[in-house]
Amino acid sequence: MKTSKEIEKRILSKKTINEMNRYINGLQEQKTRYLTAAKTAKEKGLNAQLNLAISALKSVMLQEQRAQEMLLNFEITNGMKDMAAMTSGFLKGMGQISQDMIKLTHNKDFLNVQKDFEKAITGLEIRTEEIDAFLDMNQSTFENISSASKINNEDVLALIDDEKVEKIDDQDIDKEIEKIQTLLKESNL
């Protein structure tokens, strides 16, 4: 049976996830507004406004990326906490069962079983530590990936032109570079 503190913690956890999702949705709405502004500025040849819209798009895209990372980290950490609680309950239950077994039997063969059981528990503890180390390493990897991530003008311009960066081949890249160079020459940048 869950205590009121456990229930409060679960409610807080769900509330946090909902707030993070709401924030991400707000960022997506901002990104749509800035994208529309960038397209309008581009169509009207307003280069200063286009550059401002690109800067705003880059900023909101970076914020969205960070918020997504935070949400994922929170969900992973929350899952790890649940796993730790389950493991703790399992170990307590096994400890109680072991003590009950000791009381029921005084056979010397049981000592060998007990030793094997202790080895198994030690192995479980080692695996738990290895899992923790693995998850810590993944967290570090996620942080390295996110810090190395840079959103550049080409990605934003591709969004403005309604093209997906992932699907652009070499010819499309060359065409986009030519478009950008033409725009830059026209705006004397």
C-alpha atoms as a PDB file:
ATOM      1  CA  MET A   1       0.000   0.000   0.000  1.00  0.00           C
ATOM      2  CA  LYS A   2       1.375   3.393  -0.959  1.00  0.00           C
ATOM      3  CA  THR A   3       1.839   6.088   1.646  1.00  0.00           C
ATOM      4  CA  SER A   4       0.621   9.629   1.166  1.00  0.00           C
ATOM      5  CA  LYS A   5       4.223  10.781   0.632  1.00  0.00           C
ATOM      6  CA  GLU A   6       4.670   8.249  -2.167  1.00  0.00           C
ATOM      7  CA  ILE A   7       1.425   9.412  -3.746  1.00  0.00           C
ATOM      8  CA  GLU A   8       2.518  13.057  -3.440  1.00  0.00           C
ATOM      9  CA  LYS A   9       5.841  12.204  -5.101  1.00  0.00           C
ATOM     10  CA  ARG A  10       4.064  10.473  -8.001  1.00  0.00           C
ATOM     11  CA  ILE A  11       1.723  13.440  -8.425  1.00  0.00           C
ATOM     12  CA  LEU A  12       4.692  15.841  -8.399  1.00  0.00           C
ATOM     13  CA  SER A  13       6.477  13.680 -10.956  1.00  0.00           C
ATOM     14  CA  LYS A  14       3.473  13.658 -13.308  1.00  0.00           C
ATOM     15  CA  LYS A  15       2.988  17.402 -12.808  1.00  0.00           C
ATOM     16  CA  THR A  16       6.646  18.030 -13.696  1.00  0.00           C
ATOM     17  CA  ILE A  17       6.377  15.928 -16.864  1.00  0.00           C
ATOM     18  CA  ASN A  18       3.177  17.760 -17.869  1.00  0.00           C
ATOM     19  CA  GLU A  19       4.806  21.163 -17.305  1.00  0.00           C
ATOM     20  CA  MET A  20       7.843  20.161 -19.360  1.00  0.00           C
ATOM     21  CA  ASN A  21       5.601  18.937 -22.197  1.00  0.00           C
ATOM     22  CA  ARG A  22       3.605  22.185 -22.044  1.00  0.00           C
ATOM     23  CA  TYR A  23       6.849  24.166 -22.286  1.00  0.00           C
ATOM     24  CA  ILE A  24       8.009  22.115 -25.289  1.00  0.00           C
ATOM     25  CA  ASN A  25       4.646  22.635 -27.012  1.00  0.00           C
ATOM     26  CA  GLY A  26       4.984  26.392 -26.428  1.00  0.00           C
ATOM     27  CA  LEU A  27       8.436  26.323 -28.004  1.00  0.00           C
ATOM     28  CA  GLN A  28       7.055  24.469 -31.013  1.00  0.00           C
ATOM     29  CA  GLU A  29       4.410  27.180 -31.420  1.00  0.00           C
ATOM     30  CA  GLN A  30       7.116  29.864 -31.224  1.00  0.00           C
ATOM     31  CA  LYS A  31       9.160  27.981 -33.822  1.00  0.00           C
ATOM     32  CA  THR A  32       6.145  27.955 -36.148  1.00  0.00           C
ATOM     33  CA  ARG A  33       5.631  31.732 -35.688  1.00  0.00           C
ATOM     34  CA  TYR A  34       9.309  32.485 -36.323  1.00  0.00           C
ATOM     35  CA  LEU A  35       9.333  30.192 -39.351  1.00  0.00           C
ATOM     36  CA  THR A  36       6.323  32.042 -40.776  1.00  0.00           C
ATOM     37  CA  ALA A  37       8.025  35.379 -40.107  1.00  0.00           C
ATOM     38  CA  ALA A  38      11.204  34.147 -41.806  1.00  0.00           C
ATOM     39  CA  LYS A  39       9.274  32.994 -44.873  1.00  0.00           C
ATOM     40  CA  THR A  40       7.445  36.326 -45.068  1.00  0.00           C
ATOM     41  CA  ALA A  41      10.700  38.283 -44.711  1.00  0.00           C
ATOM     42  CA  LYS A  42      12.347  36.157 -47.371  1.00  0.00           C
ATOM     43  CA  GLU A  43       9.432  36.581 -49.786  1.00  0.00           C
ATOM     44  CA  LYS A  44       9.455  40.373 -49.300  1.00  0.00           C
ATOM     45  CA  GLY A  45      13.243  40.621 -49.546  1.00  0.00           C
ATOM     46  CA  LEU A  46      13.598  42.002 -46.008  1.00  0.00           C
ATOM     47  CA  ASN A  47      17.071  40.686 -45.232  1.00  0.00           C
ATOM     48  CA  ALA A  48      17.441  42.280 -41.800  1.00  0.00           C
ATOM     49  CA  GLN A  49      14.133  40.757 -40.677  1.00  0.00           C
ATOM     50  CA  LEU A  50      15.102  37.430 -42.248  1.00  0.00           C
ATOM     51  CA  ASN A  51      18.342  37.407 -40.250  1.00  0.00           C
ATOM     52  CA  LEU A  52      16.437  38.321 -37.084  1.00  0.00           C
ATOM     53  CA  ALA A  53      13.919  35.536 -37.702  1.00  0.00           C
ATOM     54  CA  ILE A  54      16.757  33.072 -38.335  1.00  0.00           C
ATOM     55  CA  SER A  55      18.377  34.068 -35.043  1.00  0.00           C
ATOM     56  CA  ALA A  56      15.071  33.647 -33.225  1.00  0.00           C
ATOM     57  CA  LEU A  57      14.532  30.252 -34.885  1.00  0.00           C
ATOM     58  CA  LYS A  58      17.989  29.077 -33.874  1.00  0.00           C
ATOM     59  CA  SER A  59      17.394  30.199 -30.302  1.00  0.00           C
ATOM     60  CA  VAL A  60      14.010  28.503 -29.968  1.00  0.00           C
ATOM     61  CA  MET A  61      15.301  25.331 -31.639  1.00  0.00           C
ATOM     62  CA  LEU A  62      18.162  25.176 -29.149  1.00  0.00           C
ATOM     63  CA  GLN A  63      15.748  25.752 -26.243  1.00  0.00           C
ATOM     64  CA  GLU A  64      13.497  23.003 -27.584  1.00  0.00           C
ATOM     65  CA  GLN A  65      16.439  20.616 -27.876  1.00  0.00           C
ATOM     66  CA  ARG A  66      17.500  21.351 -24.279  1.00  0.00           C
ATOM     67  CA  ALA A  67      13.928  20.948 -22.995  1.00  0.00           C
ATOM     68  CA  GLN A  68      13.589  17.590 -24.792  1.00  0.00           C
ATOM     69  CA  GLU A  69      16.859  16.457 -23.208  1.00  0.00           C
ATOM     70  CA  MET A  70      15.673  17.556 -19.760  1.00  0.00           C
ATOM     71  CA  LEU A  71      12.382  15.717 -20.195  1.00  0.00           C
ATOM     72  CA  LEU A  72      14.137  12.546 -21.314  1.00  0.00           C
ATOM     73  CA  ASN A  73      16.620  12.755 -18.438  1.00  0.00           C
ATOM     74  CA  PHE A  74      13.762  13.265 -15.962  1.00  0.00           C
ATOM     75  CA  GLU A  75      11.823  10.291 -17.329  1.00  0.00           C
ATOM     76  CA  ILE A  76      14.912   8.061 -17.284  1.00  0.00           C
ATOM     77  CA  THR A  77      15.805   9.118 -13.752  1.00  0.00           C
ATOM     78  CA  ASN A  78      12.233   8.558 -12.622  1.00  0.00           C
ATOM     79  CA  GLY A  79      12.333   5.061 -14.107  1.00  0.00           C
ATOM     80  CA  MET A  80      15.632   4.365 -12.369  1.00  0.00           C
ATOM     81  CA  LYS A  81      14.089   5.430  -9.055  1.00  0.00           C
ATOM     82  CA  ASP A  82      11.206   3.023  -9.576  1.00  0.00           C
ATOM     83  CA  MET A  83      13.657   0.261 -10.433  1.00  0.00           C
ATOM     84  CA  ALA A  84      15.690   0.993  -7.294  1.00  0.00           C
ATOM     85  CA  ALA A  85      12.529   0.868  -5.176  1.00  0.00           C
ATOM     86  CA  MET A  86      11.541  -2.448  -6.733  1.00  0.00           C
ATOM     87  CA  THR A  87      15.039  -3.861  -6.164  1.00  0.00           C
ATOM     88  CA  SER A  88      14.969  -2.686  -2.567  1.00  0.00           C
ATOM     89  CA  GLY A  89      11.604  -4.370  -2.004  1.00  0.00           C
ATOM     90  CA  PHE A  90      12.872  -7.548  -3.621  1.00  0.00           C
ATOM     91  CA  LEU A  91      15.970  -7.623  -1.421  1.00  0.00           C
ATOM     92  CA  LYS A  92      13.942  -7.000   1.739  1.00  0.00           C
ATOM     93  CA  GLY A  93      11.556  -9.791   0.797  1.00  0.00           C
ATOM     94  CA  MET A  94      14.376 -12.182  -0.005  1.00  0.00           C
ATOM     95  CA  GLY A  95      16.063 -11.303   3.284  1.00  0.00           C
ATOM     96  CA  GLN A  96      12.897 -12.122   5.170  1.00  0.00           C
ATOM     97  CA  ILE A  97      12.431 -15.358   3.277  1.00  0.00           C
ATOM     98  CA  SER A  98      16.067 -16.289   3.991  1.00  0.00           C
ATOM     99  CA  GLN A  99      15.600 -15.646   7.691  1.00  0.00           C
ATOM    100  CA  ASP A 100      12.425 -17.704   7.719  1.00  0.00           C
ATOM    101  CA  MET A 101      14.255 -20.506   5.950  1.00  0.00           C
ATOM    102  CA  ILE A 102      17.050 -20.386   8.530  1.00  0.00           C
ATOM    103  CA  LYS A 103      14.508 -20.760  11.314  1.00  0.00           C
ATOM    104  CA  LEU A 104      12.849 -23.727   9.608  1.00  0.00           C
ATOM    105  CA  THR A 105      15.934 -25.737   8.878  1.00  0.00           C
ATOM    106  CA  HIS A 106      19.238 -26.358  10.597  1.00  0.00           C
ATOM    107  CA  ASN A 107      20.612 -28.774   8.031  1.00  0.00           C
ATOM    108  CA  LYS A 108      24.298 -28.409   7.127  1.00  0.00           C
ATOM    109  CA  ASP A 109      23.383 -28.619   3.429  1.00  0.00           C
ATOM    110  CA  PHE A 110      21.476 -25.432   3.959  1.00  0.00           C
ATOM    111  CA  LEU A 111      24.748 -23.661   4.750  1.00  0.00           C
ATOM    112  CA  ASN A 112      25.922 -24.377   1.217  1.00  0.00           C
ATOM    113  CA  VAL A 113      22.648 -23.079  -0.153  1.00  0.00           C
ATOM    114  CA  GLN A 114      23.019 -19.986   2.007  1.00  0.00           C
ATOM    115  CA  LYS A 115      26.538 -19.401   0.674  1.00  0.00           C
ATOM    116  CA  ASP A 116      25.266 -19.762  -2.886  1.00  0.00           C
ATOM    117  CA  PHE A 117      22.419 -17.396  -2.078  1.00  0.00           C
ATOM    118  CA  GLU A 118      24.857 -14.827  -0.693  1.00  0.00           C
ATOM    119  CA  LYS A 119      26.952 -15.150  -3.840  1.00  0.00           C
ATOM    120  CA  ALA A 120      23.808 -14.572  -5.902  1.00  0.00           C
ATOM    121  CA  ILE A 121      22.907 -11.470  -3.870  1.00  0.00           C
ATOM    122  CA  THR A 122      26.466 -10.166  -4.234  1.00  0.00           C
ATOM    123  CA  GLY A 123      26.203 -10.766  -7.969  1.00  0.00           C
ATOM    124  CA  LEU A 124      22.905  -8.863  -8.032  1.00  0.00           C
ATOM    125  CA  GLU A 125      24.497  -5.943  -6.203  1.00  0.00           C
ATOM    126  CA  ILE A 126      27.409  -5.932  -8.650  1.00  0.00           C
ATOM    127  CA  ARG A 127      25.004  -5.961 -11.610  1.00  0.00           C
ATOM    128  CA  THR A 128      23.047  -3.089 -10.062  1.00  0.00           C
ATOM    129  CA  GLU A 129      26.262  -1.089  -9.737  1.00  0.00           C
ATOM    130  CA  GLU A 130      27.163  -1.922 -13.330  1.00  0.00           C
ATOM    131  CA  ILE A 131      23.720  -0.760 -14.474  1.00  0.00           C
ATOM    132  CA  ASP A 132      24.187   2.486 -12.528  1.00  0.00           C
ATOM    133  CA  ALA A 133      27.628   2.996 -14.109  1.00  0.00           C
ATOM    134  CA  PHE A 134      26.168   2.275 -17.545  1.00  0.00           C
ATOM    135  CA  LEU A 135      23.339   4.777 -17.046  1.00  0.00           C
ATOM    136  CA  ASP A 136      25.820   7.378 -15.753  1.00  0.00           C
ATOM    137  CA  MET A 137      27.941   6.816 -18.861  1.00  0.00           C
ATOM    138  CA  ASN A 138      24.838   7.256 -21.053  1.00  0.00           C
ATOM    139  CA  GLN A 139      23.978  10.477 -19.236  1.00  0.00           C
ATOM    140  CA  SER A 140      27.495  11.748 -19.914  1.00  0.00           C
ATOM    141  CA  THR A 141      27.181  10.721 -23.563  1.00  0.00           C
ATOM    142  CA  PHE A 142      23.831  12.552 -23.861  1.00  0.00           C
ATOM    143  CA  GLU A 143      25.417  15.654 -22.361  1.00  0.00           C
ATOM    144  CA  ASN A 144      28.355  15.478 -24.789  1.00  0.00           C
ATOM    145  CA  ILE A 145      26.013  15.074 -27.744  1.00  0.00           C
ATOM    146  CA  SER A 146      23.824  17.975 -26.669  1.00  0.00           C
ATOM    147  CA  SER A 147      26.776  20.293 -25.990  1.00  0.00           C
ATOM    148  CA  ALA A 148      28.311  19.449 -29.371  1.00  0.00           C
ATOM    149  CA  SER A 149      25.008  20.039 -31.168  1.00  0.00           C
ATOM    150  CA  LYS A 150      25.004  23.255 -33.173  1.00  0.00           C
ATOM    151  CA  ILE A 151      22.114  24.500 -35.187  1.00  0.00           C
ATOM    152  CA  ASN A 152      23.392  26.284 -38.264  1.00  0.00           C
ATOM    153  CA  ASN A 153      21.872  28.662 -40.786  1.00  0.00           C
ATOM    154  CA  GLU A 154      21.624  25.963 -43.470  1.00  0.00           C
ATOM    155  CA  ASP A 155      19.348  23.874 -41.239  1.00  0.00           C
ATOM    156  CA  VAL A 156      17.131  26.874 -40.571  1.00  0.00           C
ATOM    157  CA  LEU A 157      17.075  27.954 -44.221  1.00  0.00           C
ATOM    158  CA  ALA A 158      16.073  24.434 -45.194  1.00  0.00           C
ATOM    159  CA  LEU A 159      13.147  24.712 -42.768  1.00  0.00           C
ATOM    160  CA  ILE A 160      12.193  28.064 -44.276  1.00  0.00           C
ATOM    161  CA  ASP A 161      12.148  26.504 -47.731  1.00  0.00           C
ATOM    162  CA  ASP A 162      10.063  23.566 -46.395  1.00  0.00           C
ATOM    163  CA  GLU A 163      12.809  21.056 -47.115  1.00  0.00           C
ATOM    164  CA  LYS A 164      13.916  18.385 -44.696  1.00  0.00           C
ATOM    165  CA  VAL A 165      17.648  18.482 -44.065  1.00  0.00           C
ATOM    166  CA  GLU A 166      17.864  14.707 -43.597  1.00  0.00           C
ATOM    167  CA  LYS A 167      16.603  14.014 -47.114  1.00  0.00           C
ATOM    168  CA  ILE A 168      18.779  16.470 -49.029  1.00  0.00           C
ATOM    169  CA  ASP A 169      21.265  14.832 -51.406  1.00  0.00           C
ATOM    170  CA  ASP A 170      24.511  16.383 -52.732  1.00  0.00           C
ATOM    171  CA  GLN A 171      22.780  18.028 -55.701  1.00  0.00           C
ATOM    172  CA  ASP A 172      20.174  19.588 -53.427  1.00  0.00           C
ATOM    173  CA  ILE A 173      22.917  20.865 -51.134  1.00  0.00           C
ATOM    174  CA  ASP A 174      24.715  22.462 -54.079  1.00  0.00           C
ATOM    175  CA  LYS A 175      21.447  24.123 -55.177  1.00  0.00           C
ATOM    176  CA  GLU A 176      20.825  25.429 -51.650  1.00  0.00           C
ATOM    177  CA  ILE A 177      24.367  26.816 -51.446  1.00  0.00           C
ATOM    178  CA  GLU A 178      23.830  28.612 -54.750  1.00  0.00           C
ATOM    179  CA  LYS A 179      20.519  30.062 -53.486  1.00  0.00           C
ATOM    180  CA  ILE A 180      22.165  31.283 -50.305  1.00  0.00           C
ATOM    181  CA  GLN A 181      25.110  32.778 -52.189  1.00  0.00           C
ATOM    182  CA  THR A 182      22.687  34.557 -54.516  1.00  0.00           C
ATOM    183  CA  LEU A 183      20.728  35.901 -51.558  1.00  0.00           C
ATOM    184  CA  LEU A 184      23.934  37.074 -49.904  1.00  0.00           C
ATOM    185  CA  LYS A 185      25.125  38.803 -53.091  1.00  0.00           C
ATOM    186  CA  GLU A 186      21.754  40.479 -53.504  1.00  0.00           C
ATOM    187  CA  SER A 187      21.789  41.746 -49.927  1.00  0.00           C
ATOM    188  CA  ASN A 188      25.472  42.807 -50.195  1.00  0.00           C
ATOM    189  CA  LEU A 189      26.527  40.694 -47.198  1.00  0.00           C
END
